[in-house]
Protein backbone atom coordinates (compact mmCIF):
# COMPACT_ATOMS: atom_id res chain seq x y z
CA MET A 1 19.67 5.49 9.27
CA THR A 2 20.64 2.38 7.31
CA ASP A 3 21.85 0.48 10.36
CA ALA A 4 19.69 -2.40 11.46
CA VAL A 5 18.27 -2.25 14.93
CA ARG A 6 18.86 -5.49 16.80
CA THR A 7 16.41 -6.55 19.43
CA SER A 8 16.03 -9.76 21.36
CA ALA A 9 12.71 -11.53 21.54
CA ALA A 10 11.40 -11.95 25.05
CA GLY A 11 12.53 -15.26 26.44
CA GLY A 12 13.30 -16.79 23.06
CA GLY A 13 16.80 -15.48 22.55
CA THR A 14 16.00 -14.75 18.92
CA THR A 15 17.54 -11.67 17.33
CA ILE A 16 15.36 -9.58 15.03
CA ASN A 17 17.07 -7.22 12.58
CA VAL A 18 14.90 -4.25 11.63
CA ARG A 19 15.69 -1.50 9.17
CA ALA A 20 13.26 1.24 10.13
CA ASP A 21 14.21 3.40 7.15
CA GLU A 22 13.32 0.58 4.74
CA LEU A 23 9.89 0.10 6.31
CA THR A 24 9.19 3.82 6.22
CA SER A 25 10.39 3.92 2.60
CA ILE A 26 7.95 1.13 1.71
CA PHE A 27 5.15 3.01 3.45
CA THR A 28 5.99 6.26 1.66
CA LYS A 29 6.10 4.56 -1.75
CA MET A 30 2.80 2.82 -1.10
CA GLU A 31 1.22 6.12 -0.12
CA ASP A 32 2.47 7.65 -3.40
CA ILE A 33 0.90 4.80 -5.37
CA ILE A 34 -2.38 5.12 -3.45
CA THR A 35 -2.46 8.88 -4.07
CA GLU A 36 -1.81 8.36 -7.79
CA LEU A 37 -4.54 5.74 -8.07
CA GLU A 38 -6.96 7.78 -6.00
CA SER A 39 -6.45 11.04 -7.85
CA ASN A 40 -6.08 9.73 -11.42
CA ALA A 41 -7.08 6.11 -11.99
CA VAL A 42 -10.22 5.82 -9.86
CA PRO A 43 -12.01 8.92 -11.24
CA ASN A 44 -11.20 7.93 -14.82
CA ILE A 45 -12.30 4.33 -14.25
CA ASN A 46 -15.58 5.63 -12.86
CA ARG A 47 -16.05 7.82 -15.95
CA LEU A 48 -15.25 4.88 -18.24
CA SER A 49 -17.77 2.67 -16.50
CA GLU A 50 -20.51 5.22 -17.24
CA LEU A 51 -19.86 5.18 -21.01
CA ASN A 52 -22.25 3.16 -23.15
CA TYR A 53 -20.53 3.50 -26.48
CA TYR A 54 -21.08 -0.08 -27.59
CA GLU A 55 -24.73 -1.11 -27.43
CA GLU A 56 -25.23 -4.08 -29.77
CA GLY A 57 -23.35 -6.41 -32.06
CA LYS A 58 -21.26 -9.54 -32.20
CA ALA A 59 -18.55 -8.10 -29.94
CA LYS A 60 -20.92 -7.08 -27.14
CA GLU A 61 -19.93 -10.09 -25.01
CA ALA A 62 -16.24 -9.38 -25.60
CA MET A 63 -16.73 -5.77 -24.54
CA GLU A 64 -17.97 -6.91 -21.14
CA VAL A 65 -14.35 -7.70 -20.25
CA TYR A 66 -13.72 -3.95 -19.89
CA ALA A 67 -16.04 -3.75 -16.88
CA GLU A 68 -14.08 -6.61 -15.31
CA ALA A 69 -10.75 -4.89 -16.10
CA ASN A 70 -12.02 -1.68 -14.52
CA GLN A 71 -13.03 -3.58 -11.40
CA LYS A 72 -9.58 -5.19 -11.19
CA MET A 73 -8.00 -1.72 -11.22
CA LEU A 74 -10.31 -0.66 -8.38
CA ASP A 75 -9.33 -3.86 -6.54
CA LEU A 76 -5.68 -2.86 -6.97
CA PHE A 77 -6.42 0.42 -5.19
CA ASP A 78 -8.13 -1.50 -2.36
CA ASN A 79 -5.21 -3.93 -2.09
CA TYR A 80 -2.65 -1.13 -1.82
CA THR A 81 -4.79 0.57 0.81
CA ARG A 82 -4.99 -2.65 2.85
CA ALA A 83 -1.28 -3.34 2.47
CA SER A 84 -0.48 0.20 3.57
CA SER A 85 -2.62 -0.31 6.67
CA LEU A 86 -0.65 -3.44 7.51
CA VAL A 87 2.65 -1.56 7.17
CA ILE A 88 1.26 1.15 9.47
CA ASP A 89 0.31 -1.55 11.99
CA VAL A 90 3.83 -2.95 11.87
CA LEU A 91 5.34 0.51 12.33
CA ASN A 92 3.01 1.23 15.26
CA SER A 93 3.88 -2.12 16.86
CA MET A 94 7.55 -1.35 16.44
CA ILE A 95 7.12 2.09 17.98
CA GLU A 96 5.38 0.54 20.97
CA ALA A 97 7.91 -2.26 21.28
CA ASP A 98 11.13 -0.34 21.11
CA GLU A 99 11.92 3.30 21.70
CA GLU A 100 15.13 3.14 19.63
CA ILE A 101 13.21 1.88 16.62
CA ALA A 102 10.57 4.57 17.25
CA GLU A 103 13.21 7.29 17.10
CA GLN A 104 14.52 5.93 13.77
CA ILE A 105 10.99 5.70 12.30
CA ILE A 106 10.19 9.24 13.37
CA ALA A 107 13.49 10.53 11.99
CA SER A 108 13.01 8.62 8.74
CA LEU A 109 9.49 10.00 8.29
CA GLU A 110 10.81 13.45 9.25
CA VAL A 111 7.92 13.95 11.69
């Protein structure tokens, strides 16, 4: 499954080397990260955002950075989700474009 699939672009004579197992590996790893963020980070970030442990004092303004940090972690989850969608789009395009690549993707995903 590590062999590159070579295809020729229509009319352009350009060769495209594709390693279906690498793309499916990227997708699988991204899904693992998304699952980890979704099941652990996001619920805990939501709980943290509900805490009001620091109400007044000189450091109140400095403590506001935690809300921003929490939002950046939630943005990370969104970014991985979007990136994963793009990888899925690429895989689907490849499946549609070339049956040989489709067979390698399906075998690599063990579907």
